[in-house]
Amino acid sequence: MSNVLFNNARGAASSLQMSPPFSFSDVTMSVFPLRASLPSLENFTRNYLNQAPDLVQFQPFVPFVYLVILDYGRMSLEAANMGWVSQREVAFGIPLRWMNGGETGPQFHDWAFSSPFIFVDNELSMSTGRE
């Protein structure tokens, strides 16, 4: 029996997912930095993201979590005239240093941002991409 580390709860809902291109209009976003404990962020990142630390590691580098509030006024599929939907979203994000494994130890690769907690008020979004 394999140990599944991802959410496969979508099941039949995956057939509802639309293909790009999408159009988003009337979108507003507010971002609020929240002071956090750097050791707690390191512990969370180690347990949540760093499943293969010899290959890749993510490391928080500032003691902040970002509260992101989005209001998607209109989301529509450009390829078809199927109308539009709206959605409000609240997410928490962590800015990260992306390190790749190397022969001499971890090497800086790039910057990253992980949003492990996302809350939406649209059931379709929840079942086709924000689960």
C-alpha atoms as a PDB file:
ATOM      1  CA  MET A   1       0.000   0.000   0.000  1.00  0.00           C
ATOM      2  CA  SER A   2       1.472   3.368  -0.990  1.00  0.00           C
ATOM      3  CA  ASN A   3       1.521   6.350   1.298  1.00  0.00           C
ATOM      4  CA  VAL A   4      -0.367   9.136  -0.574  1.00  0.00           C
ATOM      5  CA  LEU A   5       0.874  12.613   0.380  1.00  0.00           C
ATOM      6  CA  PHE A   6      -1.604  14.631  -1.677  1.00  0.00           C
ATOM      7  CA  ASN A   7      -5.329  15.253  -1.757  1.00  0.00           C
ATOM      8  CA  ASN A   8      -7.174  13.181  -4.358  1.00  0.00           C
ATOM      9  CA  ALA A   9     -10.651  13.996  -3.018  1.00  0.00           C
ATOM     10  CA  ARG A  10     -11.842  15.663  -6.244  1.00  0.00           C
ATOM     11  CA  GLY A  11     -12.898  12.371  -7.819  1.00  0.00           C
ATOM     12  CA  ALA A  12     -15.682  12.972 -10.349  1.00  0.00           C
ATOM     13  CA  ALA A  13     -15.472  16.735  -9.824  1.00  0.00           C
ATOM     14  CA  SER A  14     -12.273  16.801 -11.909  1.00  0.00           C
ATOM     15  CA  SER A  15     -14.454  16.430 -15.029  1.00  0.00           C
ATOM     16  CA  LEU A  16     -15.982  19.840 -14.220  1.00  0.00           C
ATOM     17  CA  GLN A  17     -12.677  21.647 -14.535  1.00  0.00           C
ATOM     18  CA  MET A  18     -12.539  24.133 -17.402  1.00  0.00           C
ATOM     19  CA  SER A  19      -9.520  24.600 -19.657  1.00  0.00           C
ATOM     20  CA  PRO A  20      -7.769  27.950 -20.120  1.00  0.00           C
ATOM     21  CA  PRO A  21      -7.707  30.677 -21.305  1.00  0.00           C
ATOM     22  CA  PHE A  22      -9.674  32.401 -18.571  1.00  0.00           C
ATOM     23  CA  SER A  23     -10.624  36.028 -18.187  1.00  0.00           C
ATOM     24  CA  PHE A  24     -10.543  37.766 -14.811  1.00  0.00           C
ATOM     25  CA  SER A  25     -11.908  41.281 -14.395  1.00  0.00           C
ATOM     26  CA  ASP A  26     -12.721  43.479 -11.422  1.00  0.00           C
ATOM     27  CA  VAL A  27     -10.182  41.670  -9.217  1.00  0.00           C
ATOM     28  CA  THR A  28      -9.027  43.287  -5.992  1.00  0.00           C
ATOM     29  CA  MET A  29      -6.333  41.993  -3.646  1.00  0.00           C
ATOM     30  CA  SER A  30      -5.243  43.081  -0.180  1.00  0.00           C
ATOM     31  CA  VAL A  31      -2.091  41.706   1.444  1.00  0.00           C
ATOM     32  CA  PHE A  32      -1.342  41.951   5.158  1.00  0.00           C
ATOM     33  CA  PRO A  33       2.007  40.830   6.646  1.00  0.00           C
ATOM     34  CA  LEU A  34       1.485  39.085   9.985  1.00  0.00           C
ATOM     35  CA  ARG A  35       4.382  38.649  12.416  1.00  0.00           C
ATOM     36  CA  ALA A  36       5.165  34.942  12.953  1.00  0.00           C
ATOM     37  CA  SER A  37       7.663  32.809  14.811  1.00  0.00           C
ATOM     38  CA  LEU A  38      10.516  31.878  12.459  1.00  0.00           C
ATOM     39  CA  PRO A  39      11.206  28.567  14.294  1.00  0.00           C
ATOM     40  CA  SER A  40       7.504  27.658  13.964  1.00  0.00           C
ATOM     41  CA  LEU A  41       7.565  28.490  10.247  1.00  0.00           C
ATOM     42  CA  GLU A  42      10.723  26.391   9.814  1.00  0.00           C
ATOM     43  CA  ASN A  43       9.091  23.452  11.598  1.00  0.00           C
ATOM     44  CA  PHE A  44       5.897  23.760   9.536  1.00  0.00           C
ATOM     45  CA  THR A  45       7.851  24.011   6.254  1.00  0.00           C
ATOM     46  CA  ARG A  46      10.034  21.036   7.144  1.00  0.00           C
ATOM     47  CA  ASN A  47       6.950  18.867   7.802  1.00  0.00           C
ATOM     48  CA  TYR A  48       4.695  20.237   5.028  1.00  0.00           C
ATOM     49  CA  LEU A  49       7.018  20.824   2.065  1.00  0.00           C
ATOM     50  CA  ASN A  50      10.382  19.196   2.596  1.00  0.00           C
ATOM     51  CA  GLN A  51       9.523  15.586   1.768  1.00  0.00           C
ATOM     52  CA  ALA A  52      12.802  14.990  -0.135  1.00  0.00           C
ATOM     53  CA  PRO A  53      15.325  17.315   1.554  1.00  0.00           C
ATOM     54  CA  ASP A  54      18.310  15.819  -0.316  1.00  0.00           C
ATOM     55  CA  LEU A  55      16.754  16.967  -3.617  1.00  0.00           C
ATOM     56  CA  VAL A  56      14.942  20.172  -2.750  1.00  0.00           C
ATOM     57  CA  GLN A  57      14.326  22.233   0.376  1.00  0.00           C
ATOM     58  CA  PHE A  58      12.173  25.244   1.097  1.00  0.00           C
ATOM     59  CA  GLN A  59      13.212  27.570   3.913  1.00  0.00           C
ATOM     60  CA  PRO A  60      11.316  30.531   5.361  1.00  0.00           C
ATOM     61  CA  PHE A  61      13.645  33.510   5.623  1.00  0.00           C
ATOM     62  CA  VAL A  62      11.520  36.222   7.248  1.00  0.00           C
ATOM     63  CA  PRO A  63       9.315  35.954  10.352  1.00  0.00           C
ATOM     64  CA  PHE A  64       6.081  36.737   8.496  1.00  0.00           C
ATOM     65  CA  VAL A  65       3.018  34.974   7.149  1.00  0.00           C
ATOM     66  CA  TYR A  66       1.024  36.911   4.584  1.00  0.00           C
ATOM     67  CA  LEU A  67      -2.761  37.129   4.826  1.00  0.00           C
ATOM     68  CA  VAL A  68      -4.060  37.572   1.266  1.00  0.00           C
ATOM     69  CA  ILE A  69      -7.687  38.587   0.629  1.00  0.00           C
ATOM     70  CA  LEU A  70      -8.878  38.394  -2.987  1.00  0.00           C
ATOM     71  CA  ASP A  71     -12.175  39.340  -4.575  1.00  0.00           C
ATOM     72  CA  TYR A  72     -12.514  37.913  -8.077  1.00  0.00           C
ATOM     73  CA  GLY A  73     -15.317  40.113  -9.402  1.00  0.00           C
ATOM     74  CA  ARG A  74     -15.788  38.194 -12.667  1.00  0.00           C
ATOM     75  CA  MET A  75     -14.159  34.954 -13.794  1.00  0.00           C
ATOM     76  CA  SER A  76     -15.093  33.585 -17.207  1.00  0.00           C
ATOM     77  CA  LEU A  77     -13.921  31.126 -19.832  1.00  0.00           C
ATOM     78  CA  GLU A  78     -12.761  33.056 -22.902  1.00  0.00           C
ATOM     79  CA  ALA A  79     -13.321  30.198 -25.376  1.00  0.00           C
ATOM     80  CA  ALA A  80     -17.068  29.973 -24.774  1.00  0.00           C
ATOM     81  CA  ASN A  81     -19.916  32.294 -23.894  1.00  0.00           C
ATOM     82  CA  MET A  82     -20.857  30.466 -20.699  1.00  0.00           C
ATOM     83  CA  GLY A  83     -21.377  33.470 -18.434  1.00  0.00           C
ATOM     84  CA  TRP A  84     -19.211  34.261 -15.437  1.00  0.00           C
ATOM     85  CA  VAL A  85     -18.820  33.511 -11.737  1.00  0.00           C
ATOM     86  CA  SER A  86     -17.345  35.456  -8.861  1.00  0.00           C
ATOM     87  CA  GLN A  87     -15.397  34.356  -5.823  1.00  0.00           C
ATOM     88  CA  ARG A  88     -13.867  35.668  -2.650  1.00  0.00           C
ATOM     89  CA  GLU A  89     -10.719  34.015  -1.337  1.00  0.00           C
ATOM     90  CA  VAL A  90      -8.674  34.197   1.853  1.00  0.00           C
ATOM     91  CA  ALA A  91      -5.206  32.630   1.835  1.00  0.00           C
ATOM     92  CA  PHE A  92      -2.191  32.477   4.091  1.00  0.00           C
ATOM     93  CA  GLY A  93       1.208  32.451   2.395  1.00  0.00           C
ATOM     94  CA  ILE A  94       4.823  31.941   3.373  1.00  0.00           C
ATOM     95  CA  PRO A  95       7.720  33.501   1.423  1.00  0.00           C
ATOM     96  CA  LEU A  96      10.440  30.889   0.949  1.00  0.00           C
ATOM     97  CA  ARG A  97      14.009  30.367  -0.170  1.00  0.00           C
ATOM     98  CA  TRP A  98      14.091  27.457  -2.699  1.00  0.00           C
ATOM     99  CA  MET A  99      17.226  25.339  -2.319  1.00  0.00           C
ATOM    100  CA  ASN A 100      18.261  22.444  -4.570  1.00  0.00           C
ATOM    101  CA  GLY A 101      20.444  19.594  -3.356  1.00  0.00           C
ATOM    102  CA  GLY A 102      24.026  19.714  -4.504  1.00  0.00           C
ATOM    103  CA  GLU A 103      27.231  17.777  -4.019  1.00  0.00           C
ATOM    104  CA  THR A 104      28.473  20.424  -1.581  1.00  0.00           C
ATOM    105  CA  GLY A 105      25.104  20.831   0.147  1.00  0.00           C
ATOM    106  CA  PRO A 106      21.951  22.823  -0.600  1.00  0.00           C
ATOM    107  CA  GLN A 107      22.374  25.536  -3.240  1.00  0.00           C
ATOM    108  CA  PHE A 108      20.098  28.556  -3.708  1.00  0.00           C
ATOM    109  CA  HIS A 109      17.811  28.113  -6.744  1.00  0.00           C
ATOM    110  CA  ASP A 110      15.099  30.788  -6.547  1.00  0.00           C
ATOM    111  CA  TRP A 111      12.477  32.461  -4.382  1.00  0.00           C
ATOM    112  CA  ALA A 112       9.086  30.778  -3.820  1.00  0.00           C
ATOM    113  CA  PHE A 113       5.774  31.435  -2.096  1.00  0.00           C
ATOM    114  CA  SER A 114       3.596  28.677  -0.638  1.00  0.00           C
ATOM    115  CA  SER A 115      -0.078  29.100   0.238  1.00  0.00           C
ATOM    116  CA  PRO A 116      -0.881  26.017   2.312  1.00  0.00           C
ATOM    117  CA  PHE A 117      -4.255  27.350   3.500  1.00  0.00           C
ATOM    118  CA  ILE A 118      -6.783  28.760   1.023  1.00  0.00           C
ATOM    119  CA  PHE A 119     -10.459  29.385   1.781  1.00  0.00           C
ATOM    120  CA  VAL A 120     -13.004  30.210  -0.945  1.00  0.00           C
ATOM    121  CA  ASP A 121     -16.721  30.939  -1.017  1.00  0.00           C
ATOM    122  CA  ASN A 122     -17.432  29.343  -4.411  1.00  0.00           C
ATOM    123  CA  GLU A 123     -18.195  25.587  -4.403  1.00  0.00           C
ATOM    124  CA  LEU A 124     -17.011  25.134  -8.001  1.00  0.00           C
ATOM    125  CA  SER A 125     -13.602  26.605  -7.145  1.00  0.00           C
ATOM    126  CA  MET A 126     -13.361  24.427  -4.081  1.00  0.00           C
ATOM    127  CA  SER A 127     -14.022  21.260  -6.056  1.00  0.00           C
ATOM    128  CA  THR A 128     -11.866  22.038  -9.105  1.00  0.00           C
ATOM    129  CA  GLY A 129      -8.674  23.551  -7.833  1.00  0.00           C
ATOM    130  CA  ARG A 130      -8.806  24.976  -4.313  1.00  0.00           C
ATOM    131  CA  GLU A 131      -9.541  21.778  -2.414  1.00  0.00           C
END
